Amino acid sequence: MKPLLIFLLCFPTALHSAEKPNVLLILVDDLKPALGCYGDKHAKTPHIDRLAARGNRFELAYCNQAVCAPSRFTLMLGSHSTSTGLYGLGSHLRKTLPDAVTMPQHFARHGYRTESLGKIFHIGHGNEGDPESFSVPHFKDKVIEYLDPESTDGGKLTREEALFTNQKLGQIRSLPRGAAFESPVAEDADYADGRVAAETIQRLRAAKERRTKNGTPFFIAAGFVRPHLPFSAPKKYWDLHDPATLPMPEYEHLPKNAPAVAGKRGGEIAAYKPVTAGNIGPELKRQLIHGYYASTSYVDAQIGKVINEVGRLGLAQQTIIVLWGDHGFHLGDLGIWTKHTNYEQANRIPILIAAPGVANPGSSTRQLAESVDIFPTLAELAGLPAPKGPQPIDGISLVPALKDSTTRVRDHAFHAYPRGKLGRAIRTERYRLVEWRRPGEPEKNAQYELYDYQDDPLERENLVAKKPRIMQKLKMILAKYPPAFSKAKKRKPTPAGKSGTK
């Protein structure tokens, strides 16, 4: 989900100015920057790495909320969850913002055929995604998937399968837990990501024919689910990694002096066997970490097939490719597993942006970037008008940073997570401030966290008491943001040209 933020593939020949570029938007679930191109020496991700070598890599990219559904809303709307109230897995976009114009809708209004495959909007937990966003029906496949009957107590419906398929939502705790990982001898297409890759290739071929016949550009969003739990991937990808050499968590305690509301134990990981309510032992930790890296290698191979097809079809010079992770992932650091926090590992994502003739091959930038920035960035790259809502547009175009890696369009990133209280965070290049309080509650009741990633990258200690000047400076930045919505409810349209945050 630093997590993958954007990947725009950069090719040597620029797009003809009179042509609208195609857009291939690749979304990867739970993908942190555990990638070779981000310096992870343990990752086996040759396809993403080769693409990154031809584009611009955002080193400090952050999601706006570390959970699937809200993160995807921020991407597609260009709006923070605090601007819309869309915080939950079961949040319904059209009940809250019936007139919202999503990124694919914006492109469709300017002549694009828009299509979606795999996990784009979150479907499950009572949510049906957003069919209105695309020109043709969505190609849906599984998120929770097993091939080995032992993983599901002999083929039974598991808790997470039920949640992600909107089945028996009132009976979840009566259902068995599925396995946290499996590694059968299998073909790539035996799992959903292989099928999504194959279908995306067919869609690209059809899109090439349409473009040749009538000039219609495409906007194709392809969503891949691994490395989301369960870590189900063919054995050959597990065999790429020696579990004894994979990195184990360095620090497994919550930060010293952090408020209790900020911490997490259990959660999503406990929905999978053999995890128990107690501590996860060393052997199971290693198996889970092995599963994450194997699943990342598996999804890398599927993405490679799609990118290779773009080149084979001769579409590379007229296609922008974006690779984005919806949020990061804790692998036992701070004693936390999965996401759902305001800490670094849950919020840093990979963003690679390469656009023909815009970004320099093999470049990287420390420009702070957010998921909400992708919408205005792609609009500018495609030569479309900037998005104006009617939902609040909180994103900023990153095109200046693509053209010159030293350019800065913002000095911080913003994200939030609700946990009883709402944690709103400001992340600068060095620090993160988190304010915990309920919307509308007086500031005097707030609790704060402050971390210094230069001196304490593992977040061992909350430094609020030790660095009051830094805290006050970041509080002043946070104070410029509008009050957060406490929950999703039908919103009045924002007048055209008005933004939710400045």
Protein backbone atom coordinates (compact mmCIF):
# COMPACT_ATOMS: atom_id res chain seq x y z
CA MET A 1 0.00 0.00 0.00
CA LYS A 2 6.59 3.40 1.74
CA PRO A 3 3.53 1.97 0.16
CA LEU A 4 2.98 1.91 -3.55
CA LEU A 5 1.39 5.12 -4.47
CA ILE A 6 1.77 5.69 -8.24
CA PHE A 7 3.58 4.15 -11.10
CA LEU A 8 3.44 6.01 -14.37
CA LEU A 9 5.58 4.24 -16.91
CA CYS A 10 7.93 6.55 -18.77
CA PHE A 11 8.83 5.77 -22.35
CA PRO A 12 11.43 7.51 -24.56
CA THR A 13 9.04 8.90 -27.15
CA ALA A 14 6.53 11.54 -26.07
CA LEU A 15 2.84 11.36 -26.81
CA HIS A 16 1.72 13.37 -29.79
CA SER A 17 0.20 16.53 -28.36
CA ALA A 18 -2.92 16.18 -30.51
CA GLU A 19 -3.69 12.71 -29.13
CA LYS A 20 -5.22 11.83 -25.80
CA PRO A 21 -3.05 9.27 -24.01
CA ASN A 22 -4.46 5.98 -22.84
CA VAL A 23 -4.42 5.30 -19.10
CA LEU A 24 -3.71 1.96 -17.46
CA LEU A 25 -4.27 2.27 -13.71
CA ILE A 26 -2.92 -0.70 -11.74
CA LEU A 27 -4.15 -1.04 -8.15
CA VAL A 28 -2.51 -3.48 -5.74
CA ASP A 29 -4.10 -4.41 -2.41
CA ASP A 30 -2.02 -4.16 0.79
CA LEU A 31 1.20 -3.47 -1.13
CA LYS A 32 3.83 -1.64 0.88
CA PRO A 33 7.14 -0.60 -0.73
CA ALA A 34 8.54 -4.10 -0.17
CA LEU A 35 9.90 -3.93 -3.71
CA GLY A 36 13.34 -4.11 -5.19
CA CYS A 37 12.95 -0.67 -6.75
CA TYR A 38 12.36 0.76 -3.27
CA GLY A 39 15.55 -0.79 -1.96
CA ASP A 40 14.13 -3.95 -0.38
CA LYS A 41 16.92 -6.47 -0.90
CA HIS A 42 14.64 -9.38 0.01
CA ALA A 43 11.95 -8.65 -2.57
CA LYS A 44 11.74 -10.59 -5.83
CA THR A 45 9.84 -8.11 -8.01
CA PRO A 46 11.70 -7.94 -11.35
CA HIS A 47 8.74 -6.75 -13.44
CA ILE A 48 7.79 -3.80 -11.27
CA ASP A 49 11.48 -3.00 -10.85
CA ARG A 50 12.04 -2.84 -14.61
CA LEU A 51 9.06 -0.56 -15.00
CA ALA A 52 10.23 1.64 -12.16
CA ALA A 53 13.57 2.01 -13.92
CA ARG A 54 11.72 3.73 -16.77
CA GLY A 55 9.57 6.03 -14.66
CA ASN A 56 9.47 8.29 -11.62
CA ARG A 57 9.35 6.73 -8.17
CA PHE A 58 7.78 8.63 -5.27
CA GLU A 59 9.79 7.82 -2.16
CA LEU A 60 7.45 9.55 0.30
CA ALA A 61 3.99 8.56 -0.87
CA TYR A 62 1.14 8.01 1.58
CA CYS A 63 -2.39 6.72 1.52
CA ASN A 64 -5.05 8.92 3.10
CA GLN A 65 -6.55 6.15 5.24
CA ALA A 66 -5.05 2.73 5.86
CA VAL A 67 -8.01 0.51 5.02
CA CYS A 68 -9.24 -0.75 1.65
CA ALA A 69 -12.60 0.91 0.94
CA PRO A 70 -11.86 4.43 2.19
CA SER A 71 -8.44 4.42 0.55
CA ARG A 72 -9.99 3.60 -2.81
CA PHE A 73 -12.60 6.31 -2.34
CA THR A 74 -9.81 8.84 -1.77
CA LEU A 75 -8.10 7.70 -4.95
CA MET A 76 -11.20 7.81 -7.14
CA LEU A 77 -12.69 11.00 -5.66
CA GLY A 78 -9.56 13.04 -5.01
CA SER A 79 -11.11 13.69 -1.58
CA HIS A 80 -9.88 12.94 1.93
CA SER A 81 -12.12 10.66 4.00
CA THR A 82 -12.33 13.53 6.51
CA SER A 83 -13.90 15.65 3.74
CA THR A 84 -16.55 13.05 2.85
CA GLY A 85 -17.16 10.96 5.98
CA LEU A 86 -16.42 7.78 3.98
CA TYR A 87 -14.37 6.03 6.67
CA GLY A 88 -15.75 2.48 6.74
CA LEU A 89 -15.54 -0.74 4.75
CA GLY A 90 -19.32 -0.65 4.40
CA SER A 91 -19.51 3.02 3.34
CA HIS A 92 -21.70 3.58 0.28
CA LEU A 93 -20.39 6.25 -2.08
CA ARG A 94 -23.67 7.17 -3.78
CA LYS A 95 -25.67 7.33 -0.55
CA THR A 96 -23.24 9.93 0.72
CA LEU A 97 -22.20 11.74 -2.49
CA PRO A 98 -24.83 10.86 -5.09
CA ASP A 99 -23.55 13.39 -7.61
CA ALA A 100 -19.82 12.76 -7.15
CA VAL A 101 -17.70 12.62 -10.30
CA THR A 102 -15.07 9.92 -9.89
CA MET A 103 -11.80 9.79 -11.80
CA PRO A 104 -13.07 7.34 -14.47
CA GLN A 105 -16.27 9.36 -14.86
CA HIS A 106 -14.18 12.48 -15.44
CA PHE A 107 -12.24 10.68 -18.16
CA ALA A 108 -15.44 9.27 -19.70
CA ARG A 109 -16.85 12.79 -19.97
CA HIS A 110 -13.86 13.66 -22.14
CA GLY A 111 -14.13 10.84 -24.63
CA TYR A 112 -12.57 7.86 -22.86
CA ARG A 113 -13.96 4.35 -22.68
CA THR A 114 -13.55 3.33 -19.04
CA GLU A 115 -13.29 -0.25 -17.80
CA SER A 116 -12.51 -1.97 -14.50
CA LEU A 117 -11.29 -5.42 -13.56
CA GLY A 118 -10.51 -7.08 -10.24
CA LYS A 119 -10.43 -5.12 -7.02
CA ILE A 120 -11.00 -1.44 -7.81
CA PHE A 121 -13.67 -0.14 -5.45
CA HIS A 122 -14.10 -2.32 -2.37
CA ILE A 123 -16.84 -4.93 -2.74
CA GLY A 124 -17.85 -6.71 0.45
CA HIS A 125 -18.84 -5.89 4.03
CA GLY A 126 -22.21 -4.78 2.60
CA ASN A 127 -20.57 -2.59 -0.06
CA GLU A 128 -21.21 -3.16 -3.76
CA GLY A 129 -18.58 -0.78 -5.16
CA ASP A 130 -19.57 1.88 -7.67
CA PRO A 131 -20.87 0.52 -11.00
CA GLU A 132 -21.66 4.09 -12.12
CA SER A 133 -17.97 4.88 -12.45
CA PHE A 134 -17.31 2.81 -15.55
CA SER A 135 -18.58 2.60 -19.12
CA VAL A 136 -19.05 -1.18 -19.06
CA PRO A 137 -19.87 -3.71 -16.30
CA HIS A 138 -17.10 -4.49 -13.84
CA PHE A 139 -15.10 -7.72 -14.20
CA LYS A 140 -15.26 -9.11 -10.66
CA ASP A 141 -13.21 -11.91 -9.18
CA LYS A 142 -12.35 -13.24 -5.74
CA VAL A 143 -10.38 -11.53 -2.98
CA ILE A 144 -10.37 -14.38 -0.46
CA GLU A 145 -9.47 -17.58 -2.29
CA TYR A 146 -8.22 -21.06 -1.49
CA LEU A 147 -7.37 -24.13 -3.54
CA ASP A 148 -6.49 -26.54 -0.72
CA PRO A 149 -9.63 -27.90 1.04
CA GLU A 150 -7.67 -28.07 4.31
CA SER A 151 -7.47 -24.27 4.25
CA THR A 152 -11.26 -24.06 4.65
CA ASP A 153 -12.04 -27.01 6.93
CA GLY A 154 -12.99 -29.12 3.93
CA GLY A 155 -14.46 -26.47 1.64
CA LYS A 156 -16.63 -24.54 4.10
CA LEU A 157 -17.49 -20.86 3.71
CA THR A 158 -15.02 -18.96 5.89
CA ARG A 159 -15.51 -15.71 7.77
CA GLU A 160 -13.49 -13.56 5.41
CA GLU A 161 -14.95 -15.21 2.29
CA ALA A 162 -18.41 -14.38 3.57
CA LEU A 163 -17.50 -10.76 4.32
CA PHE A 164 -15.95 -10.17 0.91
CA THR A 165 -18.89 -11.74 -0.95
CA ASN A 166 -21.64 -10.15 1.16
CA GLN A 167 -22.88 -13.51 2.45
CA LYS A 168 -24.21 -14.29 5.95
CA LEU A 169 -23.08 -10.89 7.20
CA GLY A 170 -25.03 -11.35 10.40
CA GLN A 171 -23.48 -14.74 11.13
CA ILE A 172 -19.77 -14.10 10.62
CA ARG A 173 -18.54 -15.30 14.03
CA SER A 174 -20.36 -18.62 13.57
CA LEU A 175 -18.29 -19.41 10.48
CA PRO A 176 -14.88 -21.12 10.47
CA ARG A 177 -11.66 -19.22 10.01
CA GLY A 178 -9.73 -19.80 6.78
CA ALA A 179 -5.99 -20.41 6.63
CA ALA A 180 -3.66 -17.42 6.73
CA PHE A 181 -1.61 -18.90 3.87
CA GLU A 182 -1.33 -21.78 1.44
CA SER A 183 1.21 -22.72 -1.23
CA PRO A 184 -0.16 -25.41 -3.56
CA VAL A 185 1.42 -26.47 -6.82
CA ALA A 186 -0.80 -24.40 -9.11
CA GLU A 187 -0.91 -22.29 -12.23
CA ASP A 188 -1.06 -18.51 -12.02
CA ALA A 189 -4.62 -18.40 -13.36
CA ASP A 190 -5.82 -20.80 -10.68
CA TYR A 191 -5.99 -17.71 -8.46
CA ALA A 192 -7.89 -14.50 -9.19
CA ASP A 193 -4.91 -12.28 -9.96
CA GLY A 194 -3.85 -14.56 -12.80
CA ARG A 195 -7.36 -14.43 -14.25
CA VAL A 196 -7.52 -10.64 -13.89
CA ALA A 197 -4.20 -10.33 -15.72
CA ALA A 198 -5.45 -12.57 -18.54
CA GLU A 199 -8.69 -10.61 -18.89
CA THR A 200 -6.85 -7.28 -18.79
CA ILE A 201 -4.70 -8.48 -21.67
CA GLN A 202 -7.86 -9.28 -23.67
CA ARG A 203 -9.28 -5.84 -22.86
CA LEU A 204 -6.04 -4.19 -24.01
CA ARG A 205 -6.21 -6.02 -27.32
CA ALA A 206 -9.80 -4.92 -27.88
CA ALA A 207 -8.91 -1.37 -26.84
CA LYS A 208 -6.08 -1.32 -29.39
CA GLU A 209 -8.55 -2.29 -32.12
CA ARG A 210 -10.99 0.44 -31.10
CA ARG A 211 -8.27 3.05 -30.99
CA THR A 212 -7.10 2.04 -34.45
CA LYS A 213 -10.63 2.15 -35.88
CA ASN A 214 -12.06 5.29 -34.27
CA GLY A 215 -9.38 6.83 -32.11
CA THR A 216 -11.11 6.15 -28.78
CA PRO A 217 -8.63 6.30 -25.90
CA PHE A 218 -8.99 3.91 -22.99
CA PHE A 219 -8.93 4.21 -19.22
CA ILE A 220 -8.51 0.70 -17.84
CA ALA A 221 -8.30 0.10 -14.09
CA ALA A 222 -6.92 -3.34 -13.19
CA GLY A 223 -6.98 -4.32 -9.52
CA PHE A 224 -4.89 -7.12 -8.01
CA VAL A 225 -5.57 -8.57 -4.56
CA ARG A 226 -2.33 -10.18 -3.41
CA PRO A 227 -0.54 -9.57 -1.09
CA HIS A 228 -3.84 -9.16 0.80
CA LEU A 229 -4.50 -12.02 3.22
CA PRO A 230 -4.75 -14.94 2.86
CA PHE A 231 -1.27 -15.33 1.40
CA SER A 232 -2.49 -17.78 -1.24
CA ALA A 233 0.04 -18.10 -4.05
CA PRO A 234 1.44 -20.92 -6.18
CA LYS A 235 4.33 -22.79 -4.61
CA LYS A 236 6.83 -21.58 -7.21
CA TYR A 237 6.59 -18.05 -5.77
CA TRP A 238 7.13 -19.28 -2.22
CA ASP A 239 10.19 -21.15 -3.50
CA LEU A 240 11.74 -17.88 -4.69
CA HIS A 241 12.36 -16.92 -1.05
CA ASP A 242 14.41 -18.51 1.71
CA PRO A 243 12.30 -17.86 4.84
CA ALA A 244 15.40 -18.00 7.03
CA THR A 245 16.79 -14.88 5.34
CA LEU A 246 13.63 -12.74 5.34
CA PRO A 247 13.54 -9.73 7.69
CA MET A 248 11.87 -10.26 11.04
CA PRO A 249 10.37 -7.30 12.94
CA GLU A 250 13.02 -5.19 14.67
CA TYR A 251 10.84 -3.62 17.36
CA GLU A 252 7.66 -5.29 18.61
CA HIS A 253 6.38 -2.93 21.30
CA LEU A 254 3.99 -0.01 20.98
CA PRO A 255 5.73 3.38 21.11
CA LYS A 256 6.70 4.64 24.55
CA ASN A 257 4.27 7.31 25.84
CA ALA A 258 1.83 6.82 22.93
CA PRO A 259 -1.88 7.16 23.77
CA ALA A 260 -3.70 3.86 24.06
CA VAL A 261 -6.12 4.82 21.29
CA ALA A 262 -3.29 4.72 18.74
CA GLY A 263 -2.24 1.13 19.36
CA LYS A 264 -3.51 -2.09 17.86
CA ARG A 265 -3.39 -5.77 18.70
CA GLY A 266 -5.17 -8.57 16.89
CA GLY A 267 -7.70 -7.30 14.37
CA GLU A 268 -7.83 -8.70 10.83
CA ILE A 269 -4.98 -11.16 11.36
CA ALA A 270 -7.02 -12.97 14.03
CA ALA A 271 -9.63 -13.91 11.40
CA TYR A 272 -7.19 -16.50 10.00
CA LYS A 273 -5.96 -19.77 11.44
CA PRO A 274 -3.60 -20.72 13.06
CA VAL A 275 -3.35 -17.23 14.59
CA THR A 276 -4.57 -17.18 18.18
CA ALA A 277 -5.57 -14.40 20.54
CA GLY A 278 -2.13 -14.52 22.14
CA ASN A 279 1.26 -13.58 20.73
CA ILE A 280 2.32 -14.82 17.32
CA GLY A 281 5.33 -17.06 17.84
CA PRO A 282 8.61 -16.89 15.89
CA GLU A 283 7.78 -19.74 13.49
CA LEU A 284 4.38 -18.32 12.58
CA LYS A 285 5.86 -14.83 12.18
CA ARG A 286 8.34 -16.21 9.68
CA GLN A 287 5.60 -18.08 7.80
CA LEU A 288 3.45 -14.95 7.57
CA ILE A 289 6.35 -12.80 6.39
CA HIS A 290 7.29 -15.50 3.87
CA GLY A 291 3.69 -15.49 2.65
CA TYR A 292 3.71 -11.71 2.18
CA TYR A 293 6.88 -11.75 0.09
CA ALA A 294 5.71 -14.77 -1.93
CA SER A 295 2.37 -13.10 -2.64
CA THR A 296 4.16 -9.93 -3.73
CA SER A 297 6.30 -11.95 -6.15
CA TYR A 298 3.15 -13.59 -7.51
CA VAL A 299 1.38 -10.30 -8.16
CA ASP A 300 4.55 -8.87 -9.67
CA ALA A 301 4.51 -11.64 -12.26
CA GLN A 302 0.87 -10.92 -13.17
CA ILE A 303 1.55 -7.20 -13.52
CA GLY A 304 4.53 -8.05 -15.70
CA LYS A 305 2.28 -9.94 -18.12
CA VAL A 306 0.01 -6.92 -18.47
CA ILE A 307 2.85 -4.43 -18.95
CA ASN A 308 4.52 -6.69 -21.50
CA GLU A 309 1.28 -6.79 -23.48
CA VAL A 310 1.14 -2.99 -23.57
CA GLY A 311 4.55 -3.06 -25.26
CA ARG A 312 3.71 -5.96 -27.57
CA LEU A 313 0.62 -4.12 -28.84
CA GLY A 314 2.67 -1.04 -29.64
CA LEU A 315 0.74 1.03 -27.07
CA ALA A 316 3.68 2.03 -24.88
CA GLN A 317 4.30 5.43 -26.40
CA GLN A 318 0.69 6.53 -26.03
CA THR A 319 -0.19 4.97 -22.69
CA ILE A 320 0.30 6.26 -19.16
CA ILE A 321 0.69 3.40 -16.69
CA VAL A 322 0.05 3.95 -12.99
CA LEU A 323 0.89 1.48 -10.25
CA TRP A 324 -0.56 2.28 -6.82
CA GLY A 325 -0.80 0.41 -3.52
CA ASP A 326 -3.92 1.20 -1.52
CA HIS A 327 -2.06 1.28 1.83
CA GLY A 328 0.89 -0.26 3.62
CA PHE A 329 1.08 -3.29 5.88
CA HIS A 330 2.48 -4.07 9.31
CA LEU A 331 4.51 -7.28 9.45
CA GLY A 332 4.92 -7.48 13.20
CA ASP A 333 6.60 -4.09 13.66
CA LEU A 334 5.34 -2.46 16.88
CA GLY A 335 3.74 -5.87 17.49
CA ILE A 336 1.09 -4.98 14.85
CA TRP A 337 -0.09 -7.01 11.86
CA THR A 338 -1.93 -5.80 8.71
CA LYS A 339 -3.09 -2.15 8.55
CA HIS A 340 -5.67 0.07 10.35
CA THR A 341 -3.25 2.44 12.11
CA ASN A 342 -1.70 5.86 11.62
CA TYR A 343 1.83 4.49 11.83
CA GLU A 344 4.39 4.54 9.03
CA GLN A 345 4.18 0.93 7.90
CA ALA A 346 0.41 1.12 7.41
CA ASN A 347 0.41 4.40 5.52
CA ARG A 348 3.50 4.57 3.31
CA ILE A 349 2.77 3.28 -0.17
CA PRO A 350 4.59 2.90 -3.47
CA ILE A 351 3.85 5.46 -6.19
CA LEU A 352 5.67 5.12 -9.47
CA ILE A 353 4.75 7.59 -12.18
CA ALA A 354 6.08 7.42 -15.70
CA ALA A 355 4.44 9.18 -18.59
CA PRO A 356 5.86 9.31 -22.12
CA GLY A 357 7.92 12.45 -22.55
CA VAL A 358 7.19 13.81 -19.07
CA ALA A 359 9.12 11.97 -16.35
CA ASN A 360 12.78 11.08 -16.66
CA PRO A 361 13.54 7.33 -16.78
CA GLY A 362 14.85 5.92 -13.54
CA SER A 363 14.12 9.06 -11.56
CA SER A 364 12.85 9.38 -8.02
CA THR A 365 11.58 12.22 -5.87
CA ARG A 366 11.13 12.92 -2.19
CA GLN A 367 8.11 15.07 -2.97
CA LEU A 368 5.47 14.08 -0.41
CA ALA A 369 2.50 12.64 -2.23
CA GLU A 370 -0.99 11.38 -1.34
CA SER A 371 -3.53 9.07 -2.96
CA VAL A 372 -5.81 12.06 -3.60
CA ASP A 373 -3.12 13.55 -5.85
CA ILE A 374 -3.46 10.87 -8.52
CA PHE A 375 -6.77 12.18 -9.91
CA PRO A 376 -5.55 15.73 -10.66
CA THR A 377 -2.16 14.39 -11.79
CA LEU A 378 -3.66 12.05 -14.38
CA ALA A 379 -6.09 14.71 -15.56
CA GLU A 380 -3.22 17.11 -16.25
CA LEU A 381 -1.09 14.44 -17.92
CA ALA A 382 -4.00 13.57 -20.22
CA GLY A 383 -4.66 17.22 -21.06
CA LEU A 384 -8.08 17.19 -19.38
CA PRO A 385 -9.57 19.97 -17.24
CA ALA A 386 -8.68 19.75 -13.57
CA PRO A 387 -11.35 17.91 -11.54
CA LYS A 388 -13.81 20.22 -9.80
CA GLY A 389 -16.12 17.85 -7.97
CA PRO A 390 -18.89 18.49 -6.88
CA GLN A 391 -17.10 16.57 -4.08
CA PRO A 392 -14.24 18.43 -2.37
CA ILE A 393 -11.01 18.05 -4.35
CA ASP A 394 -8.15 17.76 -1.88
CA GLY A 395 -5.50 16.50 -4.28
CA ILE A 396 -2.74 18.47 -5.99
CA SER A 397 -1.23 17.67 -9.38
CA LEU A 398 2.21 16.11 -9.08
CA VAL A 399 3.16 16.86 -12.69
CA PRO A 400 5.72 19.54 -11.69
CA ALA A 401 7.54 16.94 -9.59
CA LEU A 402 7.45 14.51 -12.51
CA LYS A 403 9.15 17.04 -14.75
CA ASP A 404 11.70 18.06 -12.11
CA SER A 405 12.29 15.76 -9.14
CA THR A 406 13.52 18.66 -7.02
CA THR A 407 10.30 20.66 -7.42
CA ARG A 408 7.98 20.77 -4.42
CA VAL A 409 4.22 21.34 -4.63
CA ARG A 410 3.48 20.54 -0.97
CA ASP A 411 5.54 20.25 2.22
CA HIS A 412 3.52 17.55 3.96
CA ALA A 413 1.09 14.69 3.47
CA PHE A 414 -2.21 14.27 5.34
CA HIS A 415 -3.90 11.06 6.44
CA ALA A 416 -6.40 9.92 9.05
CA TYR A 417 -7.74 6.86 10.81
CA PRO A 418 -10.81 6.51 13.07
CA ARG A 419 -10.45 4.38 16.19
CA GLY A 420 -13.16 5.59 18.55
CA LYS A 421 -11.48 8.96 18.31
CA LEU A 422 -10.34 10.25 14.93
CA GLY A 423 -6.60 10.36 14.39
CA ARG A 424 -5.61 13.05 11.90
CA ALA A 425 -1.96 13.08 10.85
CA ILE A 426 0.54 15.44 9.25
CA ARG A 427 3.62 13.72 7.76
CA THR A 428 6.55 15.91 6.72
CA GLU A 429 9.82 14.61 5.32
CA ARG A 430 11.11 14.12 8.87
CA TYR A 431 8.19 14.11 11.31
CA ARG A 432 4.66 12.84 11.84
CA LEU A 433 2.14 14.49 14.17
CA VAL A 434 -1.10 12.66 15.00
CA GLU A 435 -3.98 14.34 16.77
CA TRP A 436 -6.58 12.06 18.37
CA ARG A 437 -9.98 13.59 19.18
CA ARG A 438 -13.60 13.20 18.17
CA PRO A 439 -14.94 15.61 15.53
CA GLY A 440 -16.38 18.63 17.33
CA GLU A 441 -14.61 17.82 20.59
CA PRO A 442 -12.60 20.70 22.13
CA GLU A 443 -8.91 20.82 21.26
CA LYS A 444 -8.03 20.68 24.95
CA ASN A 445 -9.25 17.06 25.00
CA ALA A 446 -6.97 15.99 22.18
CA GLN A 447 -4.15 13.47 22.58
CA TYR A 448 -1.04 13.73 20.41
CA GLU A 449 1.77 11.66 18.98
CA LEU A 450 5.00 12.96 17.45
CA TYR A 451 7.65 10.82 15.74
CA ASP A 452 11.05 11.73 14.30
CA TYR A 453 11.88 9.46 11.36
CA GLN A 454 15.42 10.74 11.07
CA ASP A 455 16.40 9.74 14.61
CA ASP A 456 13.74 7.10 15.37
CA PRO A 457 12.55 5.37 12.17
CA LEU A 458 11.06 2.48 14.17
CA GLU A 459 8.70 4.79 16.12
CA ARG A 460 9.97 3.67 19.51
CA GLU A 461 8.94 6.82 21.40
CA ASN A 462 6.26 9.49 21.24
CA LEU A 463 8.23 12.76 21.39
CA VAL A 464 5.43 15.23 22.17
CA ALA A 465 6.96 16.15 25.55
CA LYS A 466 10.49 16.41 24.15
CA LYS A 467 9.90 18.49 21.02
CA PRO A 468 7.18 21.05 21.82
CA ARG A 469 8.29 23.52 19.13
CA ILE A 470 8.01 20.92 16.36
CA MET A 471 4.66 19.83 17.76
CA GLN A 472 3.31 23.40 17.72
CA LYS A 473 4.53 23.96 14.16
CA LEU A 474 2.77 20.84 12.91
CA LYS A 475 -0.37 21.64 14.90
CA MET A 476 -0.55 24.93 13.01
CA ILE A 477 -0.48 23.04 9.71
CA LEU A 478 -3.20 20.67 10.90
CA ALA A 479 -5.33 23.60 12.05
CA LYS A 480 -5.58 24.81 8.43
CA TYR A 481 -7.63 21.73 7.50
CA PRO A 482 -11.44 21.97 7.70
CA PRO A 483 -13.24 20.18 10.53
CA ALA A 484 -13.54 16.47 9.85
CA PHE A 485 -16.88 14.81 9.16
CA SER A 486 -17.78 12.43 11.94
CA LYS A 487 -19.53 9.89 9.71
CA ALA A 488 -20.88 9.44 6.21
CA LYS A 489 -24.15 11.16 5.46
CA LYS A 490 -25.63 12.71 2.36
CA ARG A 491 -23.52 15.73 1.46
CA LYS A 492 -24.45 18.97 -0.22
CA PRO A 493 -22.42 19.52 -3.39
CA THR A 494 -19.33 21.70 -3.08
CA PRO A 495 -19.57 24.67 -5.49
CA ALA A 496 -17.44 24.24 -8.60
CA GLY A 497 -13.88 25.39 -8.08
CA LYS A 498 -14.00 25.11 -4.28
CA SER A 499 -11.69 22.68 -2.53
CA GLY A 500 -12.05 20.83 0.75
CA THR A 501 -8.49 21.69 1.86
CA LYS A 502 -5.89 24.17 0.84
